[in-house]
N, C-alpha and C. Protein backbone atom coordinates (compact mmCIF):
# COMPACT_ATOMS: atom_id res chain seq x y z
N MET A 1 39.51 17.51 -25.40
CA MET A 1 38.63 16.48 -25.42
C MET A 1 38.52 14.97 -25.44
N PRO A 2 37.91 14.31 -24.69
CA PRO A 2 37.79 12.47 -24.53
C PRO A 2 37.90 12.03 -25.69
N ASP A 3 38.83 11.08 -26.01
CA ASP A 3 38.84 10.08 -27.49
C ASP A 3 37.47 8.97 -27.28
N ALA A 4 37.88 8.45 -28.34
CA ALA A 4 36.18 7.49 -29.06
C ALA A 4 36.46 6.70 -27.75
N THR A 5 37.38 5.71 -26.66
CA THR A 5 37.10 5.14 -26.29
C THR A 5 36.95 5.44 -24.46
N GLU A 6 36.94 6.91 -24.63
CA GLU A 6 36.60 7.28 -23.33
C GLU A 6 35.16 7.78 -23.11
N LEU A 7 34.53 8.09 -24.41
CA LEU A 7 32.84 8.31 -25.09
C LEU A 7 32.52 6.99 -24.86
N GLU A 8 32.89 6.17 -25.23
CA GLU A 8 32.46 4.94 -25.52
C GLU A 8 32.18 4.41 -24.40
N ARG A 9 32.63 4.68 -23.35
CA ARG A 9 33.11 3.76 -21.98
C ARG A 9 31.79 4.61 -21.32
N ARG A 10 31.69 6.10 -21.72
CA ARG A 10 30.82 6.94 -20.82
C ARG A 10 29.30 6.37 -21.00
N ILE A 11 28.96 5.73 -22.51
CA ILE A 11 27.90 5.61 -23.01
C ILE A 11 27.69 4.34 -22.62
N VAL A 12 28.23 3.23 -22.30
CA VAL A 12 27.42 2.26 -21.94
C VAL A 12 27.39 2.01 -19.80
N ASP A 13 28.43 3.25 -19.28
CA ASP A 13 28.01 3.74 -18.67
C ASP A 13 26.53 3.83 -18.54
N LEU A 14 26.41 4.89 -19.07
CA LEU A 14 24.82 5.69 -18.58
C LEU A 14 24.14 4.25 -19.13
N GLU A 15 24.24 3.93 -20.33
CA GLU A 15 23.27 2.61 -20.55
C GLU A 15 22.42 1.96 -19.26
N LEU A 16 23.84 1.22 -18.71
CA LEU A 16 23.84 0.41 -17.86
C LEU A 16 23.29 0.98 -16.77
N LYS A 17 22.87 2.41 -16.35
CA LYS A 17 22.83 2.88 -15.10
C LYS A 17 21.07 3.50 -15.71
N PHE A 18 20.68 3.42 -16.60
CA PHE A 18 19.22 3.60 -17.25
C PHE A 18 18.92 1.96 -17.49
N MET A 19 19.67 1.06 -17.84
CA MET A 19 18.62 -0.64 -17.62
C MET A 19 18.43 -0.48 -15.71
N GLU A 20 19.69 -0.16 -15.08
CA GLU A 20 19.00 -0.07 -13.76
C GLU A 20 18.00 0.49 -13.15
N GLN A 21 17.81 1.91 -13.75
CA GLN A 21 16.46 2.62 -13.17
C GLN A 21 15.54 2.09 -13.54
N GLN A 22 15.30 1.73 -15.33
CA GLN A 22 14.23 0.43 -16.01
C GLN A 22 13.57 -0.62 -14.59
N ARG A 23 14.88 -0.91 -14.34
CA ARG A 23 14.21 -2.29 -13.49
C ARG A 23 13.78 -1.72 -12.24
N LEU A 24 14.69 -0.77 -11.31
CA LEU A 24 13.97 -0.37 -9.96
C LEU A 24 12.45 0.58 -10.42
N LEU A 25 12.74 1.02 -11.24
CA LEU A 25 11.12 1.95 -11.63
C LEU A 25 10.02 0.55 -12.07
N GLU A 26 9.96 -0.46 -12.24
CA GLU A 26 9.30 -1.65 -12.90
C GLU A 26 9.18 -2.28 -11.59
N ASP A 27 10.17 -2.45 -10.48
CA ASP A 27 9.84 -3.36 -8.90
C ASP A 27 8.99 -2.15 -8.31
N LEU A 28 9.01 -0.97 -8.31
CA LEU A 28 8.37 0.01 -7.79
C LEU A 28 6.61 0.50 -7.79
N SER A 29 7.04 0.36 -9.53
CA SER A 29 5.66 -0.23 -10.26
C SER A 29 4.73 -1.21 -9.44
N LEU A 30 5.27 -2.50 -9.23
CA LEU A 30 4.69 -3.84 -9.16
C LEU A 30 4.51 -3.53 -7.47
N ALA A 31 5.44 -3.15 -6.50
CA ALA A 31 5.26 -2.90 -5.37
C ALA A 31 4.08 -1.92 -4.72
N ALA A 32 3.91 -0.82 -5.78
CA ALA A 32 2.63 0.29 -5.19
C ALA A 32 1.42 -0.73 -5.86
N PHE A 33 1.19 -1.26 -6.83
CA PHE A 33 0.02 -2.11 -7.56
C PHE A 33 -0.36 -3.11 -6.68
N THR A 34 0.87 -4.00 -5.66
CA THR A 34 0.26 -4.63 -5.06
C THR A 34 -0.30 -3.87 -3.69
N GLN A 35 0.56 -3.22 -2.46
CA GLN A 35 0.27 -2.70 -2.07
C GLN A 35 -1.28 -1.75 -2.31
N ASP A 36 -1.97 -1.64 -3.48
CA ASP A 36 -2.85 -1.14 -3.95
C ASP A 36 -3.92 -1.80 -3.30
N ARG A 37 -3.62 -3.25 -3.80
CA ARG A 37 -4.57 -4.28 -3.71
C ARG A 37 -4.82 -4.94 -2.78
N VAL A 38 -3.86 -5.00 -1.92
CA VAL A 38 -4.09 -5.03 -0.08
C VAL A 38 -4.89 -3.91 0.60
N MET A 39 -4.53 -2.69 0.14
CA MET A 39 -5.77 -1.56 0.63
C MET A 39 -6.74 -2.09 0.74
N ALA A 40 -7.18 -1.81 -0.62
CA ALA A 40 -8.66 -2.35 -1.09
C ALA A 40 -9.26 -3.39 -0.69
N ARG A 41 -8.20 -4.48 -0.21
CA ARG A 41 -9.01 -5.79 0.28
C ARG A 41 -9.36 -5.47 1.98
N LEU A 42 -8.10 -4.78 2.45
CA LEU A 42 -8.18 -4.30 4.04
C LEU A 42 -9.65 -3.13 4.18
N THR A 43 -9.80 -2.45 3.38
CA THR A 43 -10.14 -1.55 3.13
C THR A 43 -11.94 -2.37 3.25
N GLN A 44 -12.36 -3.02 1.92
CA GLN A 44 -13.25 -3.91 2.50
C GLN A 44 -13.62 -4.60 3.37
N GLN A 45 -12.60 -5.54 4.25
CA GLN A 45 -12.42 -6.07 5.49
C GLN A 45 -13.17 -5.01 6.35
N LEU A 46 -12.36 -4.28 6.29
CA LEU A 46 -12.76 -3.06 7.82
C LEU A 46 -14.19 -2.60 7.80
N GLN A 47 -14.94 -3.04 6.49
CA GLN A 47 -15.68 -1.44 6.29
C GLN A 47 -16.61 -2.72 6.60
N ARG A 48 -16.36 -4.43 6.36
CA ARG A 48 -17.73 -5.19 6.65
C ARG A 48 -17.83 -4.92 8.21
N LEU A 49 -16.59 -5.05 8.92
CA LEU A 49 -16.65 -4.85 10.50
C LEU A 49 -17.27 -3.99 11.23
N VAL A 50 -17.09 -3.05 10.54
CA VAL A 50 -17.67 -1.70 11.20
C VAL A 50 -19.47 -2.28 10.99
N GLU A 51 -19.73 -2.48 9.50
CA GLU A 51 -20.80 -3.13 9.62
C GLU A 51 -21.51 -4.06 10.38
N LYS A 52 -20.85 -5.05 10.92
CA LYS A 52 -21.39 -5.85 11.76
C LYS A 52 -21.14 -5.36 12.86
N SER A 53 -20.28 -4.44 13.60
CA SER A 53 -20.36 -3.96 15.17
C SER A 53 -21.17 -3.16 15.18
N GLU A 54 -21.75 -2.34 14.10
CA GLU A 54 -22.99 -1.41 14.29
C GLU A 54 -24.13 -2.43 14.32
N ALA A 55 -24.36 -3.22 13.14
CA ALA A 55 -25.84 -4.15 13.30
C ALA A 55 -25.31 -5.01 14.98
N ALA A 56 -24.18 -5.59 15.39
CA ALA A 56 -24.30 -5.61 16.59
C ALA A 56 -24.66 -5.31 17.83
N ALA A 57 -24.15 -3.85 18.20
CA ALA A 57 -24.43 -2.85 19.12
C ALA A 57 -26.06 -2.91 19.45
N GLY A 58 -26.90 -3.57 18.76
CA GLY A 58 -28.25 -3.29 19.03
C GLY A 58 -28.57 -4.57 19.90
N LEU A 59 -27.81 -5.47 19.91
CA LEU A 59 -28.19 -7.49 20.46
C LEU A 59 -27.48 -7.25 21.49
N VAL A 60 -26.37 -6.33 22.22
CA VAL A 60 -26.09 -6.39 23.48
C VAL A 60 -26.78 -6.15 24.55
N GLY A 61 -27.73 -5.16 24.22
CA GLY A 61 -28.09 -4.58 25.37
C GLY A 61 -27.59 -3.54 26.11
N PRO A 62 -27.91 -3.04 27.59
CA PRO A 62 -27.70 -1.34 26.78
C PRO A 62 -26.21 -1.03 27.45
N ASP A 63 -26.39 0.18 27.19
CA ASP A 63 -24.47 0.72 27.02
C ASP A 63 -24.07 0.01 28.10
N ALA A 64 -22.65 0.49 28.66
CA ALA A 64 -22.09 0.22 29.65
C ALA A 64 -22.13 1.12 30.26
N ASP A 65 -22.31 2.61 30.00
CA ASP A 65 -22.87 3.93 30.60
C ASP A 65 -23.80 3.78 31.05
N ASP A 66 -25.36 3.12 30.62
CA ASP A 66 -26.30 2.93 31.23
C ASP A 66 -26.06 2.32 32.52
N LYS A 67 -26.67 2.86 33.30
CA LYS A 67 -26.76 1.89 34.88
C LYS A 67 -28.01 1.43 35.19
N PRO A 68 -28.52 0.47 35.61
CA PRO A 68 -29.56 -0.56 35.89
C PRO A 68 -30.55 0.17 36.78
N PRO A 69 -31.78 -0.65 36.36
CA PRO A 69 -33.15 0.64 37.07
C PRO A 69 -33.08 0.80 38.20
N HIS A 70 -32.27 -0.40 39.07
CA HIS A 70 -32.51 -0.24 40.57
C HIS A 70 -31.83 0.99 40.98
N TYR A 71 -30.49 1.51 40.47
CA TYR A 71 -30.02 2.55 40.80
C TYR A 71 -30.61 3.98 41.58
C-alpha cells in the first residue's frame, strides 16, 4: 500500500490533469462557438449571393445553350 506522501503526489497529479482538461474544454468550447458564428455568417452571405444570382439570371439574356434565331 502506498504511503501518504505517494498518495498526496498522485492526488496532486490528478488535480493538475483535471485543471488542464478543464482549460482544454473551455478552449474547445470557445472555438466551437466562434466557428458556429462564422458558419452562420457565411451561410447568410451564401444565401444572399444565391438570391442575387437568381435575380440577375433573367437580366443577362438567353442562356449560353440557346442558339440565336438565325441558326
